[in-house]
Every structure is written in structure tokens, then in C-alpha cells.
Amino acid sequence: MVAMPIVRLVLKINVMKMEQAFQMGYREGENTFYVSPQNWQGKTKFTTNFVKFKSSFWKLKSEKFEAFLKTNVNLSSLCGKMFHV
């Protein structure tokens, strides 16, 4: 997985293009997916309401990721938010 330098809000035209591209389902060998802080209804959910770690490994990974988001001015608005694929 490659981290993108900047995350932007969902544009309706992009969603429409993706719907058309995936109308026949995922294509073999396709390695691209779209990540959004909003769900299909356009609502944002926060990790504090959903994330319960059963593993200290994943808790540490999440804390490290949150720290990374906080240090980047372009990504700090994503802190504590669920990502939808």
C-alpha cells in the first residue's frame, strides 16, 4: 500500500466514474481502491465510537498512524475518523 500525499473530500463526479468502472465487478489484476472518510451516505464516523482493540499490536499500529496524521497539516483533519473503502 502506498500512502497518498494529500487526501481530499469525495467529489460526486469521481464516485460516478468509479460506479461506472466497477459496474461489472472487480477486474482481475486491478490493484486500485478508493478510501474515504465518509461512508456511502456522506456521513463521517469516529474511531472512538467503534474501535475496540483486542490486540496490543493493532492498538500500537493505530496510535502510530494517528500520531502520523497529527504531524501532517494536510492529514490532521482525518485524526480519529473511520476510513471507508
PDB file of N, CA and C in Angstrom:
ATOM      1  N   MET A   1       0.839  -1.166   0.000  1.00  0.00           N
ATOM      2  CA  MET A   1       0.000   0.000   0.000  1.00  0.00           C
ATOM      3  C   MET A   1       0.890   1.238   0.000  1.00  0.00           C
ATOM      4  N   VAL A   2       0.542   2.230  -0.790  1.00  0.00           N
ATOM      5  CA  VAL A   2       1.305   3.465  -0.890  1.00  0.00           C
ATOM      6  C   VAL A   2       0.459   4.597  -0.317  1.00  0.00           C
ATOM      7  N   ALA A   3       1.017   5.334   0.619  1.00  0.00           N
ATOM      8  CA  ALA A   3       0.300   6.470   1.198  1.00  0.00           C
ATOM      9  C   ALA A   3       0.263   7.621   0.202  1.00  0.00           C
ATOM     10  N   MET A   4      -0.877   8.238   0.059  1.00  0.00           N
ATOM     11  CA  MET A   4      -1.017   9.376  -0.840  1.00  0.00           C
ATOM     12  C   MET A   4      -0.605  10.640  -0.089  1.00  0.00           C
ATOM     13  N   PRO A   5      -0.019  11.617  -0.782  1.00  0.00           N
ATOM     14  CA  PRO A   5       0.467  12.815  -0.102  1.00  0.00           C
ATOM     15  C   PRO A   5      -0.645  13.697   0.456  1.00  0.00           C
ATOM     16  N   ILE A   6      -1.803  13.726  -0.189  1.00  0.00           N
ATOM     17  CA  ILE A   6      -2.901  14.586   0.255  1.00  0.00           C
ATOM     18  C   ILE A   6      -4.211  13.833   0.073  1.00  0.00           C
ATOM     19  N   VAL A   7      -5.099  13.987   1.031  1.00  0.00           N
ATOM     20  CA  VAL A   7      -6.426  13.385   0.936  1.00  0.00           C
ATOM     21  C   VAL A   7      -7.424  14.512   0.762  1.00  0.00           C
ATOM     22  N   ARG A   8      -8.340  14.344  -0.170  1.00  0.00           N
ATOM     23  CA  ARG A   8      -9.340  15.392  -0.406  1.00  0.00           C
ATOM     24  C   ARG A   8     -10.736  14.822  -0.214  1.00  0.00           C
ATOM     25  N   LEU A   9     -11.706  15.696  -0.132  1.00  0.00           N
ATOM     26  CA  LEU A   9     -13.089  15.278   0.040  1.00  0.00           C
ATOM     27  C   LEU A   9     -13.584  14.535  -1.191  1.00  0.00           C
ATOM     28  N   VAL A  10     -14.607  13.738  -0.995  1.00  0.00           N
ATOM     29  CA  VAL A  10     -15.202  12.965  -2.087  1.00  0.00           C
ATOM     30  C   VAL A  10     -15.894  13.923  -3.057  1.00  0.00           C
ATOM     31  N   LEU A  11     -15.632  13.747  -4.339  1.00  0.00           N
ATOM     32  CA  LEU A  11     -16.322  14.515  -5.371  1.00  0.00           C
ATOM     33  C   LEU A  11     -17.342  13.607  -6.026  1.00  0.00           C
ATOM     34  N   LYS A  12     -18.558  14.097  -6.211  1.00  0.00           N
ATOM     35  CA  LYS A  12     -19.628  13.277  -6.768  1.00  0.00           C
ATOM     36  C   LYS A  12     -19.250  12.714  -8.142  1.00  0.00           C
ATOM     37  N   ILE A  13     -18.558  13.490  -8.961  1.00  0.00           N
ATOM     38  CA  ILE A  13     -18.178  13.026 -10.299  1.00  0.00           C
ATOM     39  C   ILE A  13     -17.223  11.834 -10.205  1.00  0.00           C
ATOM     40  N   ASN A  14     -16.329  11.836  -9.194  1.00  0.00           N
ATOM     41  CA  ASN A  14     -15.415  10.702  -9.010  1.00  0.00           C
ATOM     42  C   ASN A  14     -16.177   9.448  -8.624  1.00  0.00           C
ATOM     43  N   VAL A  15     -17.161   9.596  -7.758  1.00  0.00           N
ATOM     44  CA  VAL A  15     -17.972   8.448  -7.341  1.00  0.00           C
ATOM     45  C   VAL A  15     -18.725   7.891  -8.543  1.00  0.00           C
ATOM     46  N   MET A  16     -19.260   8.760  -9.379  1.00  0.00           N
ATOM     47  CA  MET A  16     -19.993   8.319 -10.564  1.00  0.00           C
ATOM     48  C   MET A  16     -19.067   7.558 -11.520  1.00  0.00           C
ATOM     49  N   LYS A  17     -17.844   8.055 -11.711  1.00  0.00           N
ATOM     50  CA  LYS A  17     -16.873   7.378 -12.584  1.00  0.00           C
ATOM     51  C   LYS A  17     -16.515   5.999 -12.030  1.00  0.00           C
ATOM     52  N   MET A  18     -16.334   5.938 -10.706  1.00  0.00           N
ATOM     53  CA  MET A  18     -15.993   4.662 -10.088  1.00  0.00           C
ATOM     54  C   MET A  18     -17.147   3.670 -10.193  1.00  0.00           C
ATOM     55  N   GLU A  19     -18.363   4.155 -10.031  1.00  0.00           N
ATOM     56  CA  GLU A  19     -19.526   3.279 -10.176  1.00  0.00           C
ATOM     57  C   GLU A  19     -19.574   2.676 -11.572  1.00  0.00           C
ATOM     58  N   GLN A  20     -19.281   3.495 -12.571  1.00  0.00           N
ATOM     59  CA  GLN A  20     -19.270   3.002 -13.949  1.00  0.00           C
ATOM     60  C   GLN A  20     -18.144   1.991 -14.163  1.00  0.00           C
ATOM     61  N   ALA A  21     -16.972   2.270 -13.613  1.00  0.00           N
ATOM     62  CA  ALA A  21     -15.821   1.394 -13.797  1.00  0.00           C
ATOM     63  C   ALA A  21     -16.037   0.032 -13.144  1.00  0.00           C
ATOM     64  N   PHE A  22     -16.768  -0.008 -12.022  1.00  0.00           N
ATOM     65  CA  PHE A  22     -16.970  -1.249 -11.294  1.00  0.00           C
ATOM     66  C   PHE A  22     -18.350  -1.857 -11.532  1.00  0.00           C
ATOM     67  N   GLN A  23     -19.037  -1.375 -12.540  1.00  0.00           N
ATOM     68  CA  GLN A  23     -20.373  -1.875 -12.830  1.00  0.00           C
ATOM     69  C   GLN A  23     -20.363  -3.386 -13.094  1.00  0.00           C
ATOM     70  N   MET A  24     -19.299  -3.880 -13.685  1.00  0.00           N
ATOM     71  CA  MET A  24     -19.188  -5.302 -13.988  1.00  0.00           C
ATOM     72  C   MET A  24     -18.388  -6.036 -12.901  1.00  0.00           C
ATOM     73  N   GLY A  25     -18.111  -5.379 -11.790  1.00  0.00           N
ATOM     74  CA  GLY A  25     -17.361  -6.004 -10.697  1.00  0.00           C
ATOM     75  C   GLY A  25     -15.878  -5.698 -10.797  1.00  0.00           C
ATOM     76  N   TYR A  26     -15.131  -6.215  -9.848  1.00  0.00           N
ATOM     77  CA  TYR A  26     -13.682  -6.000  -9.843  1.00  0.00           C
ATOM     78  C   TYR A  26     -13.036  -6.766 -10.977  1.00  0.00           C
ATOM     79  N   ARG A  27     -12.030  -6.163 -11.565  1.00  0.00           N
ATOM     80  CA  ARG A  27     -11.321  -6.789 -12.679  1.00  0.00           C
ATOM     81  C   ARG A  27     -10.072  -7.493 -12.161  1.00  0.00           C
ATOM     82  N   GLU A  28      -9.765  -8.627 -12.720  1.00  0.00           N
ATOM     83  CA  GLU A  28      -8.589  -9.381 -12.323  1.00  0.00           C
ATOM     84  C   GLU A  28      -7.336  -8.530 -12.531  1.00  0.00           C
ATOM     85  N   GLY A  29      -6.474  -8.533 -11.535  1.00  0.00           N
ATOM     86  CA  GLY A  29      -5.231  -7.766 -11.619  1.00  0.00           C
ATOM     87  C   GLY A  29      -5.385  -6.306 -11.219  1.00  0.00           C
ATOM     88  N   GLU A  30      -6.577  -5.861 -10.954  1.00  0.00           N
ATOM     89  CA  GLU A  30      -6.806  -4.460 -10.558  1.00  0.00           C
ATOM     90  C   GLU A  30      -6.305  -4.273  -9.127  1.00  0.00           C
ATOM     91  N   ASN A  31      -5.494  -3.269  -8.905  1.00  0.00           N
ATOM     92  CA  ASN A  31      -4.932  -3.060  -7.576  1.00  0.00           C
ATOM     93  C   ASN A  31      -5.242  -1.669  -7.021  1.00  0.00           C
ATOM     94  N   THR A  32      -6.274  -1.046  -7.491  1.00  0.00           N
ATOM     95  CA  THR A  32      -6.621   0.292  -7.048  1.00  0.00           C
ATOM     96  C   THR A  32      -7.915   0.245  -6.242  1.00  0.00           C
ATOM     97  N   PHE A  33      -7.941   0.981  -5.152  1.00  0.00           N
ATOM     98  CA  PHE A  33      -9.183   1.125  -4.403  1.00  0.00           C
ATOM     99  C   PHE A  33      -9.267   2.549  -3.879  1.00  0.00           C
ATOM    100  N   TYR A  34     -10.443   2.967  -3.505  1.00  0.00           N
ATOM    101  CA  TYR A  34     -10.724   4.334  -3.094  1.00  0.00           C
ATOM    102  C   TYR A  34     -11.020   4.340  -1.600  1.00  0.00           C
ATOM    103  N   VAL A  35     -10.387   5.226  -0.872  1.00  0.00           N
ATOM    104  CA  VAL A  35     -10.585   5.347   0.567  1.00  0.00           C
ATOM    105  C   VAL A  35     -11.178   6.719   0.851  1.00  0.00           C
ATOM    106  N   SER A  36     -12.209   6.739   1.694  1.00  0.00           N
ATOM    107  CA  SER A  36     -12.882   7.994   2.002  1.00  0.00           C
ATOM    108  C   SER A  36     -13.192   8.078   3.495  1.00  0.00           C
ATOM    109  N   PRO A  37     -13.122   9.275   4.086  1.00  0.00           N
ATOM    110  CA  PRO A  37     -13.532   9.424   5.486  1.00  0.00           C
ATOM    111  C   PRO A  37     -15.058   9.465   5.647  1.00  0.00           C
ATOM    112  N   GLN A  38     -15.799   9.502   4.544  1.00  0.00           N
ATOM    113  CA  GLN A  38     -17.264   9.476   4.600  1.00  0.00           C
ATOM    114  C   GLN A  38     -17.763   8.131   4.090  1.00  0.00           C
ATOM    115  N   ASN A  39     -18.877   7.665   4.657  1.00  0.00           N
ATOM    116  CA  ASN A  39     -19.482   6.436   4.155  1.00  0.00           C
ATOM    117  C   ASN A  39     -20.335   6.748   2.930  1.00  0.00           C
ATOM    118  N   TRP A  40     -21.050   5.762   2.409  1.00  0.00           N
ATOM    119  CA  TRP A  40     -21.836   5.955   1.188  1.00  0.00           C
ATOM    120  C   TRP A  40     -22.974   6.947   1.369  1.00  0.00           C
ATOM    121  N   GLN A  41     -23.315   7.263   2.628  1.00  0.00           N
ATOM    122  CA  GLN A  41     -24.350   8.260   2.901  1.00  0.00           C
ATOM    123  C   GLN A  41     -23.749   9.649   3.112  1.00  0.00           C
ATOM    124  N   GLY A  42     -22.435   9.760   2.998  1.00  0.00           N
ATOM    125  CA  GLY A  42     -21.770  11.046   3.194  1.00  0.00           C
ATOM    126  C   GLY A  42     -21.543  11.400   4.656  1.00  0.00           C
ATOM    127  N   LYS A  43     -21.682  10.417   5.547  1.00  0.00           N
ATOM    128  CA  LYS A  43     -21.522  10.664   6.979  1.00  0.00           C
ATOM    129  C   LYS A  43     -20.140  10.212   7.443  1.00  0.00           C
ATOM    130  N   THR A  44     -19.595  10.949   8.401  1.00  0.00           N
ATOM    131  CA  THR A  44     -18.302  10.627   8.987  1.00  0.00           C
ATOM    132  C   THR A  44     -18.523   9.915  10.308  1.00  0.00           C
ATOM    133  N   LYS A  45     -17.766   8.831  10.532  1.00  0.00           N
ATOM    134  CA  LYS A  45     -17.830   8.119  11.803  1.00  0.00           C
ATOM    135  C   LYS A  45     -16.463   8.227  12.471  1.00  0.00           C
ATOM    136  N   PHE A  46     -16.477   8.256  13.786  1.00  0.00           N
ATOM    137  CA  PHE A  46     -15.239   8.441  14.530  1.00  0.00           C
ATOM    138  C   PHE A  46     -14.799   7.143  15.201  1.00  0.00           C
ATOM    139  N   THR A  47     -13.496   6.923  15.236  1.00  0.00           N
ATOM    140  CA  THR A  47     -12.946   5.670  15.754  1.00  0.00           C
ATOM    141  C   THR A  47     -13.240   5.484  17.236  1.00  0.00           C
ATOM    142  N   THR A  48     -13.381   6.556  17.978  1.00  0.00           N
ATOM    143  CA  THR A  48     -13.621   6.427  19.417  1.00  0.00           C
ATOM    144  C   THR A  48     -14.925   5.688  19.708  1.00  0.00           C
ATOM    145  N   ASN A  49     -15.874   5.735  18.775  1.00  0.00           N
ATOM    146  CA  ASN A  49     -17.152   5.065  18.965  1.00  0.00           C
ATOM    147  C   ASN A  49     -17.132   3.610  18.514  1.00  0.00           C
ATOM    148  N   PHE A  50     -16.136   3.197  17.726  1.00  0.00           N
ATOM    149  CA  PHE A  50     -16.161   1.890  17.091  1.00  0.00           C
ATOM    150  C   PHE A  50     -14.978   0.981  17.410  1.00  0.00           C
ATOM    151  N   VAL A  51     -13.815   1.553  17.593  1.00  0.00           N
ATOM    152  CA  VAL A  51     -12.600   0.734  17.674  1.00  0.00           C
ATOM    153  C   VAL A  51     -12.373   0.230  19.097  1.00  0.00           C
ATOM    154  N   LYS A  52     -12.366  -1.084  19.234  1.00  0.00           N
ATOM    155  CA  LYS A  52     -12.025  -1.749  20.485  1.00  0.00           C
ATOM    156  C   LYS A  52     -10.945  -2.769  20.137  1.00  0.00           C
ATOM    157  N   PHE A  53      -9.721  -2.501  20.562  1.00  0.00           N
ATOM    158  CA  PHE A  53      -8.600  -3.362  20.186  1.00  0.00           C
ATOM    159  C   PHE A  53      -8.520  -4.584  21.079  1.00  0.00           C
ATOM    160  N   LYS A  54      -8.479  -5.749  20.454  1.00  0.00           N
ATOM    161  CA  LYS A  54      -8.265  -6.998  21.182  1.00  0.00           C
ATOM    162  C   LYS A  54      -6.786  -7.351  21.185  1.00  0.00           C
ATOM    163  N   SER A  55      -6.031  -6.682  20.330  1.00  0.00           N
ATOM    164  CA  SER A  55      -4.608  -6.967  20.187  1.00  0.00           C
ATOM    165  C   SER A  55      -3.804  -5.700  20.460  1.00  0.00           C
ATOM    166  N   SER A  56      -2.789  -5.825  21.308  1.00  0.00           N
ATOM    167  CA  SER A  56      -1.930  -4.669  21.584  1.00  0.00           C
ATOM    168  C   SER A  56      -1.143  -4.274  20.336  1.00  0.00           C
ATOM    169  N   PHE A  57      -0.889  -5.244  19.437  1.00  0.00           N
ATOM    170  CA  PHE A  57      -0.186  -4.961  18.187  1.00  0.00           C
ATOM    171  C   PHE A  57      -0.958  -3.931  17.358  1.00  0.00           C
ATOM    172  N   TRP A  58      -2.266  -4.168  17.148  1.00  0.00           N
ATOM    173  CA  TRP A  58      -3.062  -3.258  16.332  1.00  0.00           C
ATOM    174  C   TRP A  58      -3.336  -1.940  17.042  1.00  0.00           C
ATOM    175  N   LYS A  59      -3.412  -1.962  18.348  1.00  0.00           N
ATOM    176  CA  LYS A  59      -3.580  -0.720  19.109  1.00  0.00           C
ATOM    177  C   LYS A  59      -2.363   0.172  18.896  1.00  0.00           C
ATOM    178  N   LEU A  60      -1.172  -0.422  18.970  1.00  0.00           N
ATOM    179  CA  LEU A  60       0.067   0.331  18.754  1.00  0.00           C
ATOM    180  C   LEU A  60       0.141   0.871  17.329  1.00  0.00           C
ATOM    181  N   LYS A  61      -0.238   0.042  16.343  1.00  0.00           N
ATOM    182  CA  LYS A  61      -0.244   0.492  14.939  1.00  0.00           C
ATOM    183  C   LYS A  61      -1.193   1.676  14.755  1.00  0.00           C
ATOM    184  N   SER A  62      -2.365   1.594  15.368  1.00  0.00           N
ATOM    185  CA  SER A  62      -3.348   2.675  15.248  1.00  0.00           C
ATOM    186  C   SER A  62      -2.834   3.958  15.897  1.00  0.00           C
ATOM    187  N   GLU A  63      -2.239   3.842  17.059  1.00  0.00           N
ATOM    188  CA  GLU A  63      -1.687   5.023  17.741  1.00  0.00           C
ATOM    189  C   GLU A  63      -0.573   5.665  16.907  1.00  0.00           C
ATOM    190  N   LYS A  64       0.257   4.837  16.290  1.00  0.00           N
ATOM    191  CA  LYS A  64       1.335   5.350  15.439  1.00  0.00           C
ATOM    192  C   LYS A  64       0.753   6.073  14.218  1.00  0.00           C
ATOM    193  N   PHE A  65      -0.295   5.496  13.622  1.00  0.00           N
ATOM    194  CA  PHE A  65      -0.937   6.120  12.468  1.00  0.00           C
ATOM    195  C   PHE A  65      -1.584   7.448  12.855  1.00  0.00           C
ATOM    196  N   GLU A  66      -2.271   7.482  13.996  1.00  0.00           N
ATOM    197  CA  GLU A  66      -2.891   8.725  14.469  1.00  0.00           C
ATOM    198  C   GLU A  66      -1.832   9.800  14.716  1.00  0.00           C
ATOM    199  N   ALA A  67      -0.693   9.411  15.284  1.00  0.00           N
ATOM    200  CA  ALA A  67       0.400  10.364  15.524  1.00  0.00           C
ATOM    201  C   ALA A  67       0.922  10.922  14.206  1.00  0.00           C
ATOM    202  N   PHE A  68       1.041  10.052  13.195  1.00  0.00           N
ATOM    203  CA  PHE A  68       1.475  10.487  11.867  1.00  0.00           C
ATOM    204  C   PHE A  68       0.492  11.504  11.290  1.00  0.00           C
ATOM    205  N   LEU A  69      -0.813  11.228  11.407  1.00  0.00           N
ATOM    206  CA  LEU A  69      -1.824  12.153  10.888  1.00  0.00           C
ATOM    207  C   LEU A  69      -1.720  13.511  11.571  1.00  0.00           C
ATOM    208  N   LYS A  70      -1.512  13.519  12.869  1.00  0.00           N
ATOM    209  CA  LYS A  70      -1.441  14.773  13.632  1.00  0.00           C
ATOM    210  C   LYS A  70      -0.258  15.638  13.225  1.00  0.00           C
ATOM    211  N   THR A  71       0.829  15.000  12.772  1.00  0.00           N
ATOM    212  CA  THR A  71       2.030  15.774  12.423  1.00  0.00           C
ATOM    213  C   THR A  71       1.975  16.345  11.012  1.00  0.00           C
ATOM    214  N   ASN A  72       1.006  15.924  10.207  1.00  0.00           N
ATOM    215  CA  ASN A  72       0.918  16.373   8.823  1.00  0.00           C
ATOM    216  C   ASN A  72      -0.257  17.336   8.680  1.00  0.00           C
ATOM    217  N   VAL A  73       0.032  18.570   8.328  1.00  0.00           N
ATOM    218  CA  VAL A  73      -1.004  19.596   8.243  1.00  0.00           C
ATOM    219  C   VAL A  73      -2.088  19.230   7.227  1.00  0.00           C
ATOM    220  N   ASN A  74      -1.751  18.500   6.179  1.00  0.00           N
ATOM    221  CA  ASN A  74      -2.728  18.109   5.165  1.00  0.00           C
ATOM    222  C   ASN A  74      -3.601  16.936   5.602  1.00  0.00           C
ATOM    223  N   LEU A  75      -3.155  16.187   6.587  1.00  0.00           N
ATOM    224  CA  LEU A  75      -3.878  14.990   7.015  1.00  0.00           C
ATOM    225  C   LEU A  75      -4.476  15.087   8.412  1.00  0.00           C
ATOM    226  N   SER A  76      -4.127  16.113   9.161  1.00  0.00           N
ATOM    227  CA  SER A  76      -4.555  16.203  10.559  1.00  0.00           C
ATOM    228  C   SER A  76      -6.074  16.233  10.724  1.00  0.00           C
ATOM    229  N   SER A  77      -6.793  16.681   9.721  1.00  0.00           N
ATOM    230  CA  SER A  77      -8.261  16.708   9.814  1.00  0.00           C
ATOM    231  C   SER A  77      -8.855  15.301   9.800  1.00  0.00           C
ATOM    232  N   LEU A  78      -8.046  14.292   9.480  1.00  0.00           N
ATOM    233  CA  LEU A  78      -8.512  12.904   9.427  1.00  0.00           C
ATOM    234  C   LEU A  78      -8.323  12.154  10.740  1.00  0.00           C
ATOM    235  N   CYS A  79      -7.723  12.796  11.735  1.00  0.00           N
ATOM    236  CA  CYS A  79      -7.473  12.152  13.022  1.00  0.00           C
ATOM    237  C   CYS A  79      -8.790  11.659  13.632  1.00  0.00           C
ATOM    238  N   GLY A  80      -8.757  10.424  14.107  1.00  0.00           N
ATOM    239  CA  GLY A  80      -9.901   9.861  14.799  1.00  0.00           C
ATOM    240  C   GLY A  80     -11.076   9.460  13.932  1.00  0.00           C
ATOM    241  N   LYS A  81     -10.914   9.503  12.617  1.00  0.00           N
ATOM    242  CA  LYS A  81     -12.007   9.181  11.717  1.00  0.00           C
ATOM    243  C   LYS A  81     -11.854   7.778  11.155  1.00  0.00           C
ATOM    244  N   MET A  82     -12.989   7.119  10.913  1.00  0.00           N
ATOM    245  CA  MET A  82     -13.009   5.820  10.252  1.00  0.00           C
ATOM    246  C   MET A  82     -12.778   6.051   8.760  1.00  0.00           C
ATOM    247  N   PHE A  83     -12.115   5.110   8.102  1.00  0.00           N
ATOM    248  CA  PHE A  83     -11.924   5.171   6.666  1.00  0.00           C
ATOM    249  C   PHE A  83     -12.781   4.101   6.017  1.00  0.00           C
ATOM    250  N   HIS A  84     -13.431   4.449   4.936  1.00  0.00           N
ATOM    251  CA  HIS A  84     -14.299   3.538   4.206  1.00  0.00           C
ATOM    252  C   HIS A  84     -13.663   3.231   2.860  1.00  0.00           C
ATOM    253  N   VAL A  85     -13.624   1.955   2.500  1.00  0.00           N
ATOM    254  CA  VAL A  85     -13.020   1.527   1.234  1.00  0.00           C
ATOM    255  C   VAL A  85     -14.120   1.189   0.269  1.00  0.00           C
TER     256      VAL A  85
END
